[in-house]
Protein backbone atom coordinates (compact mmCIF):
# COMPACT_ATOMS: atom_id res chain seq x y z
CA MET A 1 -6.13 -14.91 -4.46
CA ILE A 2 -4.19 -12.34 -5.56
CA LEU A 3 -1.79 -13.72 -8.47
CA GLY A 4 1.43 -13.01 -10.44
CA LYS A 5 2.68 -9.55 -11.61
CA VAL A 6 -0.04 -8.17 -9.07
CA LYS A 7 1.22 -9.39 -6.27
CA LYS A 8 4.67 -8.79 -6.66
CA LYS A 9 3.97 -5.13 -7.42
CA LEU A 10 1.59 -5.19 -4.23
CA GLU A 11 4.48 -6.74 -1.95
CA ALA A 12 6.90 -4.03 -3.68
CA LYS A 13 5.35 -1.09 -2.61
CA GLU A 14 4.64 -2.59 0.46
CA LYS A 15 8.35 -3.65 1.16
CA GLU A 16 9.47 -0.18 0.05
CA ILE A 17 7.23 1.58 2.84
CA TYR A 18 8.53 -0.51 5.22
CA GLN A 19 12.07 0.08 4.40
CA TYR A 20 11.47 3.80 4.04
CA LEU A 21 9.89 3.55 7.93
CA SER A 22 12.62 1.55 9.18
CA ASN A 23 15.44 3.82 7.98
CA ASN A 24 13.49 6.66 9.37
CA TYR A 25 12.36 8.53 5.70
CA LYS A 26 9.16 9.59 6.64
CA ASP A 27 8.66 11.55 3.71
CA GLU A 28 9.36 9.15 1.42
CA ALA A 29 7.33 6.31 3.08
CA LEU A 30 4.56 8.63 3.14
CA ARG A 31 4.48 8.89 -0.49
CA THR A 32 5.20 5.33 -1.62
CA PHE A 33 1.79 4.26 0.47
CA TYR A 34 -0.17 7.71 -1.15
CA GLU A 35 1.16 5.38 -4.00
CA TYR A 36 0.29 1.92 -2.56
CA GLU A 37 -2.80 2.75 -1.40
CA GLN A 38 -3.94 4.55 -5.43
CA LEU A 39 -2.18 1.30 -7.06
CA VAL A 40 -4.69 -1.24 -4.51
CA VAL A 41 -7.43 1.18 -6.06
CA GLU A 42 -5.83 1.48 -9.64
CA LEU A 43 -6.12 -2.56 -9.59
CA HIS A 44 -9.44 -3.12 -7.67
CA ASN A 45 -11.13 -0.86 -10.81
CA ASP A 46 -9.29 -2.47 -13.60
CA GLY A 47 -10.25 -6.00 -11.68
CA SER A 48 -6.95 -7.24 -11.73
CA ILE A 49 -8.43 -7.78 -7.71
CA SER A 50 -11.71 -9.13 -6.84
CA ASP A 51 -13.49 -7.23 -3.84
CA LYS A 52 -12.56 -10.13 -1.72
CA ASP A 53 -8.93 -9.77 -1.97
CA TYR A 54 -9.74 -5.72 -2.23
CA ASN A 55 -11.07 -6.40 1.36
CA LYS A 56 -8.64 -7.78 2.60
CA LEU A 57 -5.93 -4.54 1.80
CA ILE A 58 -8.09 -2.27 3.30
CA PRO A 59 -7.57 -2.85 6.73
CA LYS A 60 -3.50 -2.88 5.27
CA VAL A 61 -4.04 0.50 3.26
CA GLU A 62 -5.78 2.02 7.01
CA ASP A 63 -3.14 0.42 9.38
CA TYR A 64 -0.72 2.50 7.29
CA ARG A 65 -2.75 5.54 7.26
CA ARG A 66 -3.02 5.06 11.40
CA LYS A 67 0.42 5.19 10.69
CA PHE A 68 1.32 8.51 9.42
CA LYS A 69 -2.35 9.66 11.11
CA ASN A 70 0.06 12.59 12.94
CA TYR A 71 2.61 12.67 10.43
CA ARG A 72 3.46 16.69 9.88
CA HIS A 73 6.14 18.04 7.84
């Protein structure tokens, strides 16, 4: 279970992606997605999130990746 500051960091980044997508700012949404993806990996590598939580977050990352798959600037 993701707790405290770690959870808030992840939720804030997801909220930022959602806001950019809803306002049709695709460049910013894509940039924020890359930051989110990097954050998930860093938190897993430093032990802030467990393997179980990491495996729960991967489908979210993949879903975002599918949304941006055909996006070209």
